[in-house]
Amino acid sequence: MRSARTALCALLIGGALGLSPAAASATSSQPSAPRSAFALSSTAFADGGVIPKVHECTSGGGSDPAKRNESPPLTWSGAPAGAKSYAIVMRDLDNSSLIHWVIYDIPASTTSLPQNVDHAYRPTAPAGARQVYYRGSASLYGYQGPCSPSTVNTYEFVVHALNKTSLTSLNSNSSTRTAAREIGAATIGSARITGES
């Protein structure tokens, strides 16, 4: 009778804990798979730092020769394994999150953008990428740099890992808002940096 009662108690305790001490120890000792964090950086400025003048717009007035409206170099790492392409969206966070740049259909094999991506719907680098037409203080395809001469604004660059190789619903007439919405719907991960200008 005592042995039956002891066995019943052991069964109840084991059930409450879910695992025997030996099994729990074996489970907790199994190493978890290493995973890098998705990160975006630029050699032009540190996260939260000052964006150099060469990346500022040339359409905001004045004649400062240092301003050249060149997009900054960007590099990313640790993207989700399922990424089929990338897109980058730049916004002025202090001006109603105004979108300054959208580049998408960046091949999955690409992990960086050079400085001064062509102002073209289909830039030469990265091959296969497309850019949205910016309608604002300038009218051009691609990057429109910071344009806040009387204030210091925060600009956000976000790289999106997408679950599609190409955003076929977008074309050369798509707006920045439409593109940003399509990118958001296909995003499986993102990384960001900000800069002041």
Protein backbone atom coordinates (compact mmCIF):
# COMPACT_ATOMS: atom_id res chain seq x y z
CA MET A 1 0.00 0.00 0.00
CA ARG A 2 2.80 2.40 0.96
CA SER A 3 4.69 1.68 -2.32
CA ALA A 4 1.56 2.39 -4.37
CA ARG A 5 1.02 5.67 -2.48
CA THR A 6 4.68 6.64 -3.04
CA ALA A 7 4.43 5.91 -6.76
CA LEU A 8 1.23 7.99 -6.99
CA CYS A 9 2.91 10.95 -5.24
CA ALA A 10 5.90 10.72 -7.57
CA LEU A 11 3.57 10.66 -10.57
CA LEU A 12 1.64 13.73 -9.36
CA ILE A 13 4.82 15.71 -8.61
CA GLY A 14 6.35 14.79 -11.98
CA GLY A 15 3.14 15.83 -13.74
CA ALA A 16 3.02 19.18 -11.92
CA LEU A 17 6.59 19.98 -12.85
CA GLY A 18 6.20 18.69 -16.37
CA LEU A 19 9.73 17.29 -16.46
CA SER A 20 11.95 15.21 -14.26
CA PRO A 21 14.98 17.09 -12.83
CA ALA A 22 17.21 15.18 -15.25
CA ALA A 23 15.03 16.06 -18.25
CA ALA A 24 14.77 19.71 -17.19
CA SER A 25 18.53 19.90 -16.83
CA ALA A 26 19.04 18.37 -20.29
CA THR A 27 16.55 20.78 -21.88
CA SER A 28 18.05 23.92 -20.32
CA SER A 29 21.58 22.93 -21.28
CA GLN A 30 20.80 22.79 -25.00
CA PRO A 31 22.40 25.83 -26.70
CA SER A 32 20.07 28.21 -28.51
CA ALA A 33 20.82 28.99 -32.16
CA PRO A 34 22.89 32.16 -32.52
CA ARG A 35 21.10 35.01 -34.26
CA SER A 36 22.55 38.35 -35.31
CA ALA A 37 20.48 41.47 -34.83
CA PHE A 38 19.41 43.23 -38.01
CA ALA A 39 21.45 46.45 -38.07
CA LEU A 40 21.91 49.46 -40.37
CA SER A 41 24.89 51.82 -40.33
CA SER A 42 26.61 54.51 -42.38
CA THR A 43 30.26 55.51 -42.68
CA ALA A 44 29.05 59.10 -43.21
CA PHE A 45 27.55 59.61 -39.74
CA ALA A 46 26.97 57.74 -36.48
CA ASP A 47 23.46 56.81 -35.39
CA GLY A 48 21.99 60.02 -33.96
CA GLY A 49 24.92 62.06 -35.28
CA VAL A 50 25.14 64.98 -37.68
CA ILE A 51 24.54 64.26 -41.37
CA PRO A 52 27.36 65.89 -43.42
CA LYS A 53 26.44 68.79 -45.69
CA VAL A 54 27.27 66.83 -48.85
CA HIS A 55 24.07 64.87 -48.19
CA GLU A 56 21.88 67.98 -47.78
CA CYS A 57 19.48 69.12 -50.50
CA THR A 58 20.47 71.68 -53.13
CA SER A 59 16.95 72.99 -53.63
CA GLY A 60 16.44 74.71 -50.28
CA GLY A 61 17.97 78.03 -51.24
CA GLY A 62 21.43 79.43 -50.66
CA SER A 63 24.56 78.62 -52.63
CA ASP A 64 26.66 76.53 -50.25
CA PRO A 65 28.94 74.44 -52.52
CA ALA A 66 29.24 71.78 -49.79
CA LYS A 67 25.60 70.80 -50.33
CA ARG A 68 25.36 68.24 -53.14
CA ASN A 69 22.23 66.19 -52.44
CA GLU A 70 24.19 62.93 -52.46
CA SER A 71 22.65 59.95 -50.71
CA PRO A 72 24.78 58.61 -47.85
CA PRO A 73 26.51 55.23 -48.00
CA LEU A 74 24.52 52.62 -46.08
CA THR A 75 25.40 49.09 -44.93
CA TRP A 76 23.27 46.45 -43.24
CA SER A 77 23.80 43.04 -41.68
CA GLY A 78 21.93 40.33 -39.77
CA ALA A 79 18.83 40.43 -41.97
CA PRO A 80 16.16 37.72 -41.59
CA ALA A 81 17.00 34.53 -43.49
CA GLY A 82 13.78 34.81 -45.50
CA ALA A 83 14.65 38.18 -47.05
CA LYS A 84 14.05 38.12 -50.82
CA SER A 85 14.86 41.79 -51.41
CA TYR A 86 15.39 45.06 -49.53
CA ALA A 87 13.95 48.55 -49.56
CA ILE A 88 15.03 51.77 -47.86
CA VAL A 89 12.71 54.55 -46.75
CA MET A 90 14.01 57.89 -45.44
CA ARG A 91 11.74 60.27 -43.51
CA ASP A 92 11.97 63.68 -41.87
CA LEU A 93 10.58 62.84 -38.43
CA ASP A 94 10.13 66.52 -37.51
CA ASN A 95 8.14 67.38 -40.63
CA SER A 96 5.13 65.08 -40.41
CA SER A 97 7.36 62.10 -41.29
CA LEU A 98 7.73 63.47 -44.82
CA ILE A 99 9.25 60.80 -47.05
CA HIS A 100 12.50 61.98 -48.68
CA TRP A 101 13.64 58.79 -50.37
CA VAL A 102 12.33 55.38 -51.36
CA ILE A 103 14.51 52.79 -53.08
CA TYR A 104 13.24 49.22 -53.46
CA ASP A 105 13.78 45.95 -55.35
CA ILE A 106 17.31 45.93 -53.93
CA PRO A 107 18.54 42.35 -54.56
CA ALA A 108 18.77 40.00 -51.57
CA SER A 109 22.49 39.54 -52.24
CA THR A 110 23.10 43.26 -51.64
CA THR A 111 24.13 44.46 -48.18
CA SER A 112 25.10 48.06 -48.88
CA LEU A 113 24.41 51.13 -50.99
CA PRO A 114 27.18 53.37 -52.30
CA GLN A 115 27.25 57.10 -51.72
CA ASN A 116 25.38 59.15 -54.31
CA VAL A 117 22.96 56.63 -55.83
CA ASP A 118 21.91 57.93 -59.28
CA HIS A 119 18.85 60.15 -59.39
CA ALA A 120 17.10 57.76 -61.77
CA TYR A 121 14.11 55.43 -61.68
CA ARG A 122 16.50 52.54 -62.32
CA PRO A 123 19.87 53.53 -60.83
CA THR A 124 23.05 51.85 -62.08
CA ALA A 125 23.82 50.59 -58.57
CA PRO A 126 22.52 48.48 -57.09
CA ALA A 127 21.53 46.75 -60.33
CA GLY A 128 17.82 45.93 -60.43
CA ALA A 129 16.75 48.50 -57.84
CA ARG A 130 14.09 51.13 -58.51
CA GLN A 131 13.41 54.53 -56.94
CA VAL A 132 10.27 56.57 -56.40
CA TYR A 133 9.84 60.06 -57.84
CA TYR A 134 10.13 62.74 -55.15
CA ARG A 135 7.63 65.59 -55.47
CA GLY A 136 8.41 68.40 -53.05
CA SER A 137 11.13 71.03 -52.78
CA ALA A 138 12.65 69.26 -55.80
CA SER A 139 11.27 67.00 -58.49
CA LEU A 140 13.54 64.02 -59.09
CA TYR A 141 13.83 60.28 -58.77
CA GLY A 142 15.44 58.98 -55.63
CA TYR A 143 17.15 60.74 -52.78
CA GLN A 144 16.19 64.24 -51.63
CA GLY A 145 18.50 65.26 -48.80
CA PRO A 146 17.67 67.15 -45.62
CA CYS A 147 16.08 70.53 -46.36
CA SER A 148 15.61 72.29 -43.02
CA PRO A 149 17.79 75.44 -43.15
CA SER A 150 16.20 77.18 -40.14
CA THR A 151 15.80 74.16 -37.82
CA VAL A 152 17.67 70.99 -36.87
CA ASN A 153 15.52 68.02 -37.84
CA THR A 154 15.86 64.29 -37.28
CA TYR A 155 15.99 62.13 -40.39
CA GLU A 156 15.33 58.40 -40.20
CA PHE A 157 16.70 55.78 -42.58
CA VAL A 158 15.03 52.36 -42.40
CA VAL A 159 16.12 49.28 -44.33
CA HIS A 160 13.30 46.77 -44.78
CA ALA A 161 13.82 43.07 -45.45
CA LEU A 162 10.97 42.01 -47.74
CA ASN A 163 9.24 38.71 -48.44
CA LYS A 164 9.07 39.51 -52.18
CA THR A 165 11.80 39.64 -54.82
CA SER A 166 10.05 42.54 -56.56
CA LEU A 167 7.24 44.93 -55.69
CA THR A 168 5.52 44.52 -59.05
CA SER A 169 2.53 46.67 -58.04
CA LEU A 170 4.79 49.77 -58.07
CA ASN A 171 5.94 51.64 -61.16
CA SER A 172 7.59 54.92 -62.23
CA ASN A 173 4.41 56.87 -61.38
CA SER A 174 3.91 55.49 -57.86
CA SER A 175 3.89 57.99 -55.01
CA THR A 176 6.20 57.80 -52.01
CA ARG A 177 3.23 57.04 -49.73
CA THR A 178 2.00 54.21 -51.93
CA ALA A 179 5.50 52.75 -52.09
CA ALA A 180 5.96 53.01 -48.32
CA ARG A 181 2.63 51.25 -47.78
CA GLU A 182 3.57 48.38 -50.13
CA ILE A 183 6.97 48.07 -48.48
CA GLY A 184 5.39 47.95 -45.03
CA ALA A 185 3.01 45.19 -46.11
CA ALA A 186 5.90 43.02 -47.36
CA THR A 187 8.31 43.68 -44.46
CA ILE A 188 9.60 40.73 -42.42
CA GLY A 189 12.17 42.75 -40.51
CA SER A 190 13.71 46.21 -40.41
CA ALA A 191 16.64 48.19 -39.00
CA ARG A 192 17.08 51.94 -38.62
CA ILE A 193 19.45 54.78 -37.97
CA THR A 194 18.80 58.47 -37.53
CA GLY A 195 20.80 61.58 -38.29
CA GLU A 196 20.45 65.27 -37.47
CA SER A 197 20.53 68.07 -40.03
